[in-house]
Amino acid sequence: SAFLADLFRENGFHGMGNLPLMLLLEKVLERAKAQEQQDDDMKRELGIPDKSPFFPALERSVLARTLEPYNILVNTEVAFSDSDGNSGRTDIEIQCDINPLLPDNRKAATVNHLTIAVENKIYSGEHDNQTEKYFHHYDSLLKNGKKNQPRSKYNLYVYLAPFSDEEMLRIPMPNCDCRHFVQ
């Protein structure tokens, strides 16, 4: 998680600026689209949302590679507890603002306060309904805007596990409890 967090930092040791974050968003969008195209009956049965986790302005920007992320904050092992008794520790939390650029480099409406919650599972599985707890925690921040909590107007949920692209094609849904996560 520390290695990945450094990759997503604009001033990380990699010297690539915000490119790794932009590539993460592209990969997550690609996978989200694949997950959306799974059997509709299975989605309804499992309570999976029909809409993309990417809202239109962000999706267009990712597809057109016209992103300009800024104010990027990346933290690891972010602990939380909420009023519902849920507690946990998000492996990686990325917060940023994004200027979607139009083809002539004019700025479109800014995507303010995007939070990406990343659960990183290497050689282990989910336990204690983690992803459901993380979803409810970050979702409550959207609704309640709690003081001294991460700023957030939009959330993306990412579940990382070490699978090849070929293996990912055979995994129809995320290997986690919460179907709001994109694997």
N, C-alpha and C. Protein backbone atom coordinates (compact mmCIF):
# COMPACT_ATOMS: atom_id res chain seq x y z
N SER A 1 0.82 -1.20 0.00
CA SER A 1 0.00 0.00 0.00
C SER A 1 0.86 1.26 0.00
N ALA A 2 1.96 1.24 0.75
CA ALA A 2 2.84 2.42 0.78
C ALA A 2 3.44 2.68 -0.60
N PHE A 3 3.84 1.60 -1.28
CA PHE A 3 4.39 1.74 -2.64
C PHE A 3 3.34 2.32 -3.58
N LEU A 4 2.13 1.78 -3.56
CA LEU A 4 1.06 2.27 -4.42
C LEU A 4 0.70 3.72 -4.09
N ALA A 5 0.64 4.03 -2.80
CA ALA A 5 0.32 5.40 -2.40
C ALA A 5 1.34 6.37 -2.97
N ASP A 6 2.61 6.00 -2.94
CA ASP A 6 3.62 6.89 -3.51
C ASP A 6 3.43 7.06 -5.02
N LEU A 7 3.01 5.99 -5.68
CA LEU A 7 2.73 6.10 -7.12
C LEU A 7 1.65 7.12 -7.42
N PHE A 8 0.64 7.19 -6.56
CA PHE A 8 -0.49 8.07 -6.80
C PHE A 8 -0.25 9.50 -6.33
N ARG A 9 0.87 9.72 -5.63
CA ARG A 9 1.21 11.08 -5.21
C ARG A 9 1.81 11.84 -6.39
N GLU A 10 1.37 13.05 -6.54
CA GLU A 10 1.86 13.89 -7.65
C GLU A 10 3.36 14.12 -7.56
N ASN A 11 3.89 14.22 -6.34
CA ASN A 11 5.31 14.46 -6.15
C ASN A 11 6.06 13.22 -5.68
N GLY A 12 5.57 12.03 -6.09
CA GLY A 12 6.20 10.77 -5.69
C GLY A 12 7.58 10.60 -6.30
N PHE A 13 8.30 9.61 -5.82
CA PHE A 13 9.66 9.34 -6.29
C PHE A 13 9.72 8.98 -7.77
N HIS A 14 8.60 8.59 -8.34
CA HIS A 14 8.55 8.17 -9.74
C HIS A 14 8.80 9.32 -10.70
N GLY A 15 8.53 10.55 -10.30
CA GLY A 15 8.76 11.71 -11.15
C GLY A 15 7.80 11.84 -12.33
N MET A 16 6.64 11.16 -12.26
CA MET A 16 5.68 11.20 -13.38
C MET A 16 4.49 12.11 -13.10
N GLY A 17 4.53 12.89 -12.05
CA GLY A 17 3.42 13.79 -11.75
C GLY A 17 2.14 13.02 -11.48
N ASN A 18 1.05 13.48 -12.09
CA ASN A 18 -0.24 12.84 -11.83
C ASN A 18 -0.60 11.74 -12.82
N LEU A 19 0.34 11.35 -13.69
CA LEU A 19 0.08 10.30 -14.67
C LEU A 19 -0.38 8.98 -14.03
N PRO A 20 0.26 8.47 -12.98
CA PRO A 20 -0.23 7.21 -12.40
C PRO A 20 -1.67 7.29 -11.90
N LEU A 21 -2.07 8.42 -11.34
CA LEU A 21 -3.45 8.58 -10.89
C LEU A 21 -4.40 8.58 -12.09
N MET A 22 -4.02 9.24 -13.15
CA MET A 22 -4.86 9.25 -14.35
C MET A 22 -4.98 7.85 -14.93
N LEU A 23 -3.89 7.08 -14.93
CA LEU A 23 -3.94 5.71 -15.44
C LEU A 23 -4.78 4.81 -14.54
N LEU A 24 -4.72 5.04 -13.23
CA LEU A 24 -5.59 4.28 -12.32
C LEU A 24 -7.06 4.55 -12.66
N LEU A 25 -7.41 5.81 -12.87
CA LEU A 25 -8.79 6.14 -13.21
C LEU A 25 -9.22 5.48 -14.52
N GLU A 26 -8.32 5.44 -15.50
CA GLU A 26 -8.64 4.78 -16.77
C GLU A 26 -8.91 3.29 -16.56
N LYS A 27 -8.05 2.64 -15.79
CA LYS A 27 -8.19 1.20 -15.56
C LYS A 27 -9.47 0.90 -14.76
N VAL A 28 -9.76 1.73 -13.78
CA VAL A 28 -10.97 1.53 -12.98
C VAL A 28 -12.21 1.73 -13.85
N LEU A 29 -12.19 2.73 -14.71
CA LEU A 29 -13.34 2.94 -15.61
C LEU A 29 -13.50 1.74 -16.55
N GLU A 30 -12.41 1.25 -17.10
CA GLU A 30 -12.46 0.09 -17.99
C GLU A 30 -13.08 -1.10 -17.27
N ARG A 31 -12.65 -1.35 -16.05
CA ARG A 31 -13.16 -2.48 -15.29
C ARG A 31 -14.62 -2.26 -14.86
N ALA A 32 -14.95 -1.01 -14.51
CA ALA A 32 -16.33 -0.71 -14.13
C ALA A 32 -17.27 -0.99 -15.29
N LYS A 33 -16.85 -0.63 -16.50
CA LYS A 33 -17.67 -0.89 -17.69
C LYS A 33 -17.85 -2.39 -17.89
N ALA A 34 -16.78 -3.16 -17.68
CA ALA A 34 -16.88 -4.62 -17.83
C ALA A 34 -17.83 -5.20 -16.79
N GLN A 35 -17.74 -4.72 -15.55
CA GLN A 35 -18.63 -5.20 -14.50
C GLN A 35 -20.09 -4.84 -14.80
N GLU A 36 -20.32 -3.67 -15.38
CA GLU A 36 -21.68 -3.24 -15.71
C GLU A 36 -22.32 -4.15 -16.74
N GLN A 37 -21.53 -4.73 -17.62
CA GLN A 37 -22.06 -5.52 -18.72
C GLN A 37 -22.37 -6.96 -18.32
N GLN A 38 -22.21 -7.28 -17.06
CA GLN A 38 -22.52 -8.63 -16.61
C GLN A 38 -24.02 -8.86 -16.64
N ASP A 39 -24.42 -10.07 -16.49
CA ASP A 39 -25.82 -10.48 -16.54
C ASP A 39 -26.71 -9.59 -15.66
N ASP A 40 -27.69 -8.94 -16.28
CA ASP A 40 -28.58 -8.02 -15.57
C ASP A 40 -29.37 -8.73 -14.47
N ASP A 41 -29.76 -9.96 -14.70
CA ASP A 41 -30.51 -10.68 -13.67
C ASP A 41 -29.66 -10.87 -12.42
N MET A 42 -28.38 -11.21 -12.62
CA MET A 42 -27.49 -11.40 -11.49
C MET A 42 -27.32 -10.09 -10.73
N LYS A 43 -27.23 -8.99 -11.46
CA LYS A 43 -27.10 -7.68 -10.82
C LYS A 43 -28.31 -7.39 -9.92
N ARG A 44 -29.51 -7.60 -10.47
CA ARG A 44 -30.71 -7.32 -9.68
C ARG A 44 -30.78 -8.23 -8.45
N GLU A 45 -30.47 -9.50 -8.64
CA GLU A 45 -30.52 -10.45 -7.54
C GLU A 45 -29.56 -10.07 -6.42
N LEU A 46 -28.36 -9.59 -6.80
CA LEU A 46 -27.36 -9.24 -5.80
C LEU A 46 -27.46 -7.80 -5.31
N GLY A 47 -28.38 -7.04 -5.89
CA GLY A 47 -28.54 -5.65 -5.47
C GLY A 47 -27.45 -4.74 -5.98
N ILE A 48 -26.88 -5.07 -7.13
CA ILE A 48 -25.81 -4.27 -7.70
C ILE A 48 -26.41 -3.07 -8.43
N PRO A 49 -25.87 -1.88 -8.20
CA PRO A 49 -26.44 -0.71 -8.87
C PRO A 49 -26.29 -0.81 -10.38
N ASP A 50 -27.29 -0.29 -11.11
CA ASP A 50 -27.27 -0.31 -12.56
C ASP A 50 -26.41 0.79 -13.15
N LYS A 51 -26.14 1.82 -12.39
CA LYS A 51 -25.40 2.95 -12.94
C LYS A 51 -23.90 2.81 -12.69
N SER A 52 -23.15 3.49 -13.51
CA SER A 52 -21.71 3.48 -13.39
C SER A 52 -21.28 4.23 -12.14
N PRO A 53 -20.18 3.79 -11.50
CA PRO A 53 -19.66 4.56 -10.37
C PRO A 53 -19.03 5.87 -10.85
N PHE A 54 -18.85 6.00 -12.16
CA PHE A 54 -18.28 7.23 -12.72
C PHE A 54 -19.42 8.14 -13.14
N PHE A 55 -19.46 9.33 -12.60
CA PHE A 55 -20.45 10.30 -13.01
C PHE A 55 -20.03 10.86 -14.36
N PRO A 56 -20.95 11.40 -15.16
CA PRO A 56 -20.67 11.75 -16.56
C PRO A 56 -19.45 12.64 -16.80
N ALA A 57 -19.27 13.69 -16.03
CA ALA A 57 -18.13 14.59 -16.27
C ALA A 57 -16.80 13.86 -16.10
N LEU A 58 -16.72 13.01 -15.09
CA LEU A 58 -15.47 12.27 -14.87
C LEU A 58 -15.28 11.21 -15.95
N GLU A 59 -16.34 10.50 -16.30
CA GLU A 59 -16.23 9.47 -17.34
C GLU A 59 -15.74 10.06 -18.66
N ARG A 60 -16.35 11.18 -19.08
CA ARG A 60 -15.93 11.82 -20.33
C ARG A 60 -14.46 12.23 -20.27
N SER A 61 -14.04 12.77 -19.15
CA SER A 61 -12.65 13.21 -19.00
C SER A 61 -11.68 12.05 -19.03
N VAL A 62 -12.06 10.95 -18.39
CA VAL A 62 -11.18 9.77 -18.38
C VAL A 62 -11.07 9.21 -19.79
N LEU A 63 -12.20 9.06 -20.48
CA LEU A 63 -12.19 8.49 -21.82
C LEU A 63 -11.41 9.36 -22.81
N ALA A 64 -11.53 10.66 -22.67
CA ALA A 64 -10.86 11.58 -23.60
C ALA A 64 -9.43 11.91 -23.16
N ARG A 65 -9.03 11.36 -22.01
CA ARG A 65 -7.71 11.68 -21.43
C ARG A 65 -7.51 13.18 -21.32
N THR A 66 -8.53 13.83 -20.83
CA THR A 66 -8.46 15.27 -20.64
C THR A 66 -8.62 15.59 -19.15
N LEU A 67 -7.81 14.94 -18.35
CA LEU A 67 -7.87 15.13 -16.90
C LEU A 67 -6.71 16.02 -16.45
N GLU A 68 -7.00 16.81 -15.47
CA GLU A 68 -5.95 17.58 -14.82
C GLU A 68 -6.19 17.50 -13.32
N PRO A 69 -5.79 16.37 -12.68
CA PRO A 69 -5.99 16.26 -11.23
C PRO A 69 -5.07 17.24 -10.50
N TYR A 70 -5.56 17.82 -9.42
CA TYR A 70 -4.75 18.70 -8.60
C TYR A 70 -5.23 18.60 -7.15
N ASN A 71 -4.52 19.23 -6.25
CA ASN A 71 -4.80 19.11 -4.81
C ASN A 71 -4.87 17.64 -4.40
N ILE A 72 -3.94 16.85 -4.91
CA ILE A 72 -3.95 15.41 -4.66
C ILE A 72 -3.38 15.12 -3.27
N LEU A 73 -4.18 14.47 -2.44
CA LEU A 73 -3.76 14.03 -1.11
C LEU A 73 -3.89 12.52 -1.06
N VAL A 74 -2.82 11.84 -0.68
CA VAL A 74 -2.84 10.38 -0.61
C VAL A 74 -2.40 9.97 0.78
N ASN A 75 -3.21 9.15 1.42
CA ASN A 75 -2.87 8.64 2.76
C ASN A 75 -3.08 7.13 2.79
N THR A 76 -2.33 6.48 3.66
CA THR A 76 -2.50 5.04 3.86
C THR A 76 -2.99 4.78 5.29
N GLU A 77 -3.62 3.62 5.44
CA GLU A 77 -4.09 3.17 6.76
C GLU A 77 -4.93 4.25 7.44
N VAL A 78 -5.95 4.73 6.74
CA VAL A 78 -6.81 5.79 7.25
C VAL A 78 -7.90 5.18 8.14
N ALA A 79 -7.78 5.41 9.44
CA ALA A 79 -8.73 4.84 10.40
C ALA A 79 -10.00 5.68 10.46
N PHE A 80 -11.12 5.00 10.69
CA PHE A 80 -12.39 5.70 10.86
C PHE A 80 -13.28 4.92 11.81
N SER A 81 -14.21 5.62 12.41
CA SER A 81 -15.32 5.01 13.14
C SER A 81 -16.49 5.94 12.95
N ASP A 82 -17.68 5.35 12.83
CA ASP A 82 -18.85 6.19 12.57
C ASP A 82 -19.92 5.95 13.62
N SER A 83 -20.98 6.72 13.51
CA SER A 83 -22.06 6.66 14.50
C SER A 83 -22.84 5.35 14.46
N ASP A 84 -22.70 4.58 13.37
CA ASP A 84 -23.39 3.29 13.26
C ASP A 84 -22.58 2.16 13.90
N GLY A 85 -21.46 2.49 14.49
CA GLY A 85 -20.63 1.47 15.13
C GLY A 85 -19.65 0.81 14.18
N ASN A 86 -19.60 1.26 12.95
CA ASN A 86 -18.62 0.72 12.01
C ASN A 86 -17.26 1.36 12.24
N SER A 87 -16.24 0.58 12.12
CA SER A 87 -14.90 1.12 12.19
C SER A 87 -14.03 0.30 11.23
N GLY A 88 -12.95 0.89 10.84
CA GLY A 88 -12.05 0.20 9.93
C GLY A 88 -10.85 1.06 9.60
N ARG A 89 -10.09 0.57 8.65
CA ARG A 89 -8.88 1.27 8.24
C ARG A 89 -8.75 1.09 6.73
N THR A 90 -8.99 2.16 6.01
CA THR A 90 -8.88 2.14 4.56
C THR A 90 -7.40 2.04 4.18
N ASP A 91 -7.07 1.10 3.30
CA ASP A 91 -5.67 0.91 2.93
C ASP A 91 -5.07 2.15 2.27
N ILE A 92 -5.77 2.68 1.28
CA ILE A 92 -5.30 3.89 0.59
C ILE A 92 -6.51 4.79 0.37
N GLU A 93 -6.35 6.04 0.72
CA GLU A 93 -7.39 7.03 0.47
C GLU A 93 -6.76 8.15 -0.37
N ILE A 94 -7.36 8.39 -1.53
CA ILE A 94 -6.89 9.43 -2.43
C ILE A 94 -7.98 10.49 -2.51
N GLN A 95 -7.62 11.72 -2.28
CA GLN A 95 -8.55 12.84 -2.42
C GLN A 95 -7.95 13.79 -3.44
N CYS A 96 -8.78 14.30 -4.32
CA CYS A 96 -8.29 15.25 -5.30
C CYS A 96 -9.44 16.03 -5.89
N ASP A 97 -9.08 17.06 -6.62
CA ASP A 97 -10.01 17.80 -7.46
C ASP A 97 -9.54 17.54 -8.88
N ILE A 98 -10.45 17.61 -9.84
CA ILE A 98 -10.08 17.34 -11.23
C ILE A 98 -10.67 18.42 -12.13
N ASN A 99 -9.81 18.99 -12.95
CA ASN A 99 -10.27 19.88 -14.01
C ASN A 99 -10.39 19.05 -15.27
N PRO A 100 -11.61 18.76 -15.72
CA PRO A 100 -11.76 18.12 -17.03
C PRO A 100 -11.48 19.19 -18.09
N LEU A 101 -10.60 18.89 -19.02
CA LEU A 101 -10.26 19.85 -20.07
C LEU A 101 -11.05 19.55 -21.33
N LEU A 102 -11.48 20.59 -22.00
CA LEU A 102 -12.16 20.45 -23.28
C LEU A 102 -11.10 20.31 -24.38
N PRO A 103 -11.48 19.87 -25.59
CA PRO A 103 -10.49 19.64 -26.64
C PRO A 103 -9.56 20.84 -26.92
N ASP A 104 -10.04 22.04 -26.75
CA ASP A 104 -9.19 23.20 -27.02
C ASP A 104 -8.48 23.68 -25.75
N ASN A 105 -8.35 22.79 -24.75
CA ASN A 105 -7.67 23.04 -23.48
C ASN A 105 -8.39 24.05 -22.58
N ARG A 106 -9.65 24.38 -22.90
CA ARG A 106 -10.43 25.17 -21.97
C ARG A 106 -10.90 24.25 -20.85
N LYS A 107 -10.99 24.80 -19.66
CA LYS A 107 -11.43 23.99 -18.53
C LYS A 107 -12.95 23.88 -18.53
N ALA A 108 -13.42 22.67 -18.32
CA ALA A 108 -14.85 22.42 -18.17
C ALA A 108 -15.19 22.52 -16.68
N ALA A 109 -16.39 22.17 -16.32
CA ALA A 109 -16.79 22.21 -14.91
C ALA A 109 -15.86 21.33 -14.09
N THR A 110 -15.35 21.87 -13.02
CA THR A 110 -14.40 21.15 -12.18
C THR A 110 -15.12 20.08 -11.36
N VAL A 111 -14.47 18.93 -11.25
CA VAL A 111 -14.96 17.86 -10.39
C VAL A 111 -14.28 18.08 -9.04
N ASN A 112 -15.00 18.67 -8.12
CA ASN A 112 -14.43 18.98 -6.81
C ASN A 112 -14.61 17.82 -5.85
N HIS A 113 -13.60 17.60 -5.06
CA HIS A 113 -13.67 16.70 -3.92
C HIS A 113 -13.99 15.25 -4.27
N LEU A 114 -13.17 14.66 -5.09
CA LEU A 114 -13.27 13.24 -5.41
C LEU A 114 -12.46 12.47 -4.37
N THR A 115 -13.07 11.44 -3.81
CA THR A 115 -12.36 10.55 -2.89
C THR A 115 -12.36 9.16 -3.49
N ILE A 116 -11.18 8.55 -3.53
CA ILE A 116 -11.05 7.18 -4.02
C ILE A 116 -10.60 6.33 -2.83
N ALA A 117 -11.45 5.41 -2.42
CA ALA A 117 -11.13 4.50 -1.32
C ALA A 117 -10.64 3.19 -1.93
N VAL A 118 -9.41 2.81 -1.57
CA VAL A 118 -8.79 1.62 -2.15
C VAL A 118 -8.57 0.57 -1.07
N GLU A 119 -9.14 -0.60 -1.29
CA GLU A 119 -8.87 -1.75 -0.43
C GLU A 119 -7.90 -2.63 -1.19
N ASN A 120 -6.74 -2.87 -0.61
CA ASN A 120 -5.64 -3.56 -1.26
C ASN A 120 -5.50 -4.95 -0.65
N LYS A 121 -5.80 -5.98 -1.43
CA LYS A 121 -5.76 -7.36 -0.94
C LYS A 121 -4.73 -8.17 -1.71
N ILE A 122 -3.61 -8.38 -1.09
CA ILE A 122 -2.55 -9.20 -1.68
C ILE A 122 -2.44 -10.47 -0.85
N TYR A 123 -2.75 -11.60 -1.44
CA TYR A 123 -2.68 -12.90 -0.77
C TYR A 123 -3.52 -12.96 0.50
N SER A 124 -4.64 -12.28 0.48
CA SER A 124 -5.58 -12.38 1.60
C SER A 124 -6.96 -12.05 1.06
N GLY A 125 -7.95 -12.35 1.85
CA GLY A 125 -9.31 -12.05 1.44
C GLY A 125 -9.93 -11.04 2.38
N GLU A 126 -11.11 -10.63 2.03
CA GLU A 126 -11.84 -9.68 2.86
C GLU A 126 -12.30 -10.37 4.14
N HIS A 127 -12.35 -9.61 5.20
CA HIS A 127 -12.87 -10.13 6.46
C HIS A 127 -13.75 -9.09 7.12
N ASP A 128 -14.63 -9.53 7.96
CA ASP A 128 -15.51 -8.66 8.76
C ASP A 128 -16.30 -7.66 7.91
N ASN A 129 -16.65 -8.07 6.68
CA ASN A 129 -17.50 -7.21 5.86
C ASN A 129 -16.88 -5.83 5.63
N GLN A 130 -15.56 -5.81 5.46
CA GLN A 130 -14.81 -4.55 5.35
C GLN A 130 -15.36 -3.60 4.31
N THR A 131 -15.53 -4.09 3.08
CA THR A 131 -15.90 -3.18 2.01
C THR A 131 -17.28 -2.56 2.22
N GLU A 132 -18.20 -3.31 2.81
CA GLU A 132 -19.51 -2.72 3.14
C GLU A 132 -19.34 -1.60 4.16
N LYS A 133 -18.52 -1.82 5.16
CA LYS A 133 -18.27 -0.78 6.17
C LYS A 133 -17.63 0.45 5.53
N TYR A 134 -16.66 0.22 4.65
CA TYR A 134 -15.98 1.36 4.00
C TYR A 134 -16.96 2.13 3.13
N PHE A 135 -17.79 1.40 2.38
CA PHE A 135 -18.77 2.06 1.54
C PHE A 135 -19.71 2.93 2.38
N HIS A 136 -20.25 2.37 3.45
CA HIS A 136 -21.20 3.12 4.27
C HIS A 136 -20.52 4.33 4.93
N HIS A 137 -19.27 4.16 5.32
CA HIS A 137 -18.54 5.30 5.91
C HIS A 137 -18.38 6.43 4.90
N TYR A 138 -17.83 6.14 3.74
CA TYR A 138 -17.59 7.19 2.74
C TYR A 138 -18.90 7.73 2.17
N ASP A 139 -19.89 6.87 2.03
CA ASP A 139 -21.19 7.33 1.54
C ASP A 139 -21.83 8.30 2.53
N SER A 140 -21.66 8.05 3.83
CA SER A 140 -22.23 8.95 4.84
C SER A 140 -21.54 10.32 4.79
N LEU A 141 -20.28 10.36 4.39
CA LEU A 141 -19.58 11.64 4.27
C LEU A 141 -20.16 12.47 3.13
N LEU A 142 -20.59 11.77 2.07
CA LEU A 142 -21.23 12.48 0.96
C LEU A 142 -22.52 13.15 1.43
N LYS A 143 -23.28 12.42 2.22
CA LYS A 143 -24.59 12.89 2.64
C LYS A 143 -24.51 13.91 3.77
N ASN A 144 -23.57 13.68 4.69
CA ASN A 144 -23.55 14.47 5.92
C ASN A 144 -22.48 15.55 5.96
N GLY A 145 -21.43 15.41 5.17
CA GLY A 145 -20.36 16.40 5.18
C GLY A 145 -19.83 16.65 6.58
N LYS A 146 -19.46 15.60 7.29
CA LYS A 146 -19.06 15.71 8.69
C LYS A 146 -17.76 16.53 8.83
N LYS A 147 -17.73 17.31 9.88
CA LYS A 147 -16.57 18.13 10.17
C LYS A 147 -15.37 17.24 10.51
N ASN A 148 -14.19 17.69 10.13
CA ASN A 148 -12.93 16.98 10.38
C ASN A 148 -12.88 15.61 9.73
N GLN A 149 -13.65 15.40 8.69
CA GLN A 149 -13.62 14.16 7.93
C GLN A 149 -13.14 14.49 6.52
N PRO A 150 -12.79 13.48 5.74
CA PRO A 150 -12.33 13.76 4.37
C PRO A 150 -13.36 14.55 3.60
N ARG A 151 -12.89 15.52 2.85
CA ARG A 151 -13.79 16.29 2.00
C ARG A 151 -14.22 15.37 0.87
N SER A 152 -15.48 15.33 0.57
CA SER A 152 -15.92 14.41 -0.46
C SER A 152 -17.27 14.82 -1.02
N LYS A 153 -17.33 14.93 -2.34
CA LYS A 153 -18.61 15.11 -3.04
C LYS A 153 -18.87 13.92 -3.96
N TYR A 154 -17.80 13.25 -4.36
CA TYR A 154 -17.89 12.09 -5.24
C TYR A 154 -16.96 11.02 -4.70
N ASN A 155 -17.40 9.78 -4.75
CA ASN A 155 -16.59 8.67 -4.27
C ASN A 155 -16.43 7.60 -5.34
N LEU A 156 -15.26 7.02 -5.38
CA LEU A 156 -15.01 5.80 -6.15
C LEU A 156 -14.46 4.77 -5.17
N TYR A 157 -14.84 3.52 -5.36
CA TYR A 157 -14.41 2.44 -4.47
C TYR A 157 -13.66 1.41 -5.31
N VAL A 158 -12.43 1.12 -4.91
CA VAL A 158 -11.56 0.25 -5.70
C VAL A 158 -11.08 -0.90 -4.81
N TYR A 159 -11.20 -2.12 -5.36
CA TYR A 159 -10.75 -3.33 -4.67
C TYR A 159 -9.61 -3.92 -5.49
N LEU A 160 -8.39 -3.82 -4.97
CA LEU A 160 -7.22 -4.32 -5.70
C LEU A 160 -6.87 -5.72 -5.24
N ALA A 161 -6.66 -6.59 -6.20
CA ALA A 161 -6.20 -7.96 -5.93
C ALA A 161 -5.31 -8.36 -7.11
N PRO A 162 -4.32 -9.20 -6.87
CA PRO A 162 -3.33 -9.51 -7.91
C PRO A 162 -3.82 -10.50 -8.96
N PHE A 163 -4.60 -10.03 -9.93
CA PHE A 163 -5.06 -10.85 -11.03
C PHE A 163 -4.56 -10.26 -12.33
N SER A 164 -4.25 -11.10 -13.29
CA SER A 164 -3.86 -10.63 -14.62
C SER A 164 -5.11 -10.15 -15.36
N ASP A 165 -4.90 -9.43 -16.47
CA ASP A 165 -6.03 -8.98 -17.28
C ASP A 165 -6.86 -10.17 -17.75
N GLU A 166 -6.18 -11.26 -18.11
CA GLU A 166 -6.88 -12.46 -18.57
C GLU A 166 -7.74 -13.05 -17.46
N GLU A 167 -7.19 -13.13 -16.26
CA GLU A 167 -7.97 -13.65 -15.13
C GLU A 167 -9.15 -12.73 -14.81
N MET A 168 -8.95 -11.42 -14.95
CA MET A 168 -10.02 -10.46 -14.65
C MET A 168 -11.22 -10.66 -15.57
N LEU A 169 -10.98 -11.09 -16.80
CA LEU A 169 -12.07 -11.34 -17.73
C LEU A 169 -12.98 -12.46 -17.24
N ARG A 170 -12.43 -13.38 -16.45
CA ARG A 170 -13.21 -14.50 -15.94
C ARG A 170 -13.87 -14.21 -14.59
N ILE A 171 -13.56 -13.05 -14.01
CA ILE A 171 -14.15 -12.68 -12.73
C ILE A 171 -15.26 -11.68 -13.00
N PRO A 172 -16.52 -12.13 -12.97
CA PRO A 172 -17.61 -11.24 -13.37
C PRO A 172 -17.88 -10.10 -12.38
N MET A 173 -17.69 -10.35 -11.12
CA MET A 173 -17.99 -9.36 -10.10
C MET A 173 -16.81 -9.26 -9.15
N PRO A 174 -16.71 -8.18 -8.41
CA PRO A 174 -15.60 -8.04 -7.47
C PRO A 174 -15.59 -9.17 -6.45
N ASN A 175 -14.41 -9.56 -6.02
CA ASN A 175 -14.27 -10.60 -5.00
C ASN A 175 -14.39 -9.99 -3.60
N CYS A 176 -15.34 -9.11 -3.43
CA CYS A 176 -15.55 -8.49 -2.13
C CYS A 176 -17.05 -8.42 -1.86
N ASP A 177 -17.40 -8.12 -0.62
CA ASP A 177 -18.81 -8.12 -0.23
C ASP A 177 -19.61 -6.98 -0.85
N CYS A 178 -19.01 -5.82 -0.96
CA CYS A 178 -19.76 -4.65 -1.43
C CYS A 178 -19.64 -4.50 -2.95
N ARG A 179 -20.77 -4.51 -3.61
CA ARG A 179 -20.80 -4.46 -5.07
C ARG A 179 -20.62 -3.03 -5.62
N HIS A 180 -20.42 -2.07 -4.74
CA HIS A 180 -20.11 -0.72 -5.20
C HIS A 180 -18.63 -0.58 -5.54
N PHE A 181 -17.83 -1.57 -5.14
CA PHE A 181 -16.40 -1.55 -5.42
C PHE A 181 -16.14 -2.05 -6.83
N VAL A 182 -15.14 -1.49 -7.45
CA VAL A 182 -14.68 -1.92 -8.76
C VAL A 182 -13.39 -2.69 -8.50
N GLN A 183 -13.31 -3.91 -9.01
CA GLN A 183 -12.10 -4.69 -8.81
C GLN A 183 -11.12 -4.39 -9.92
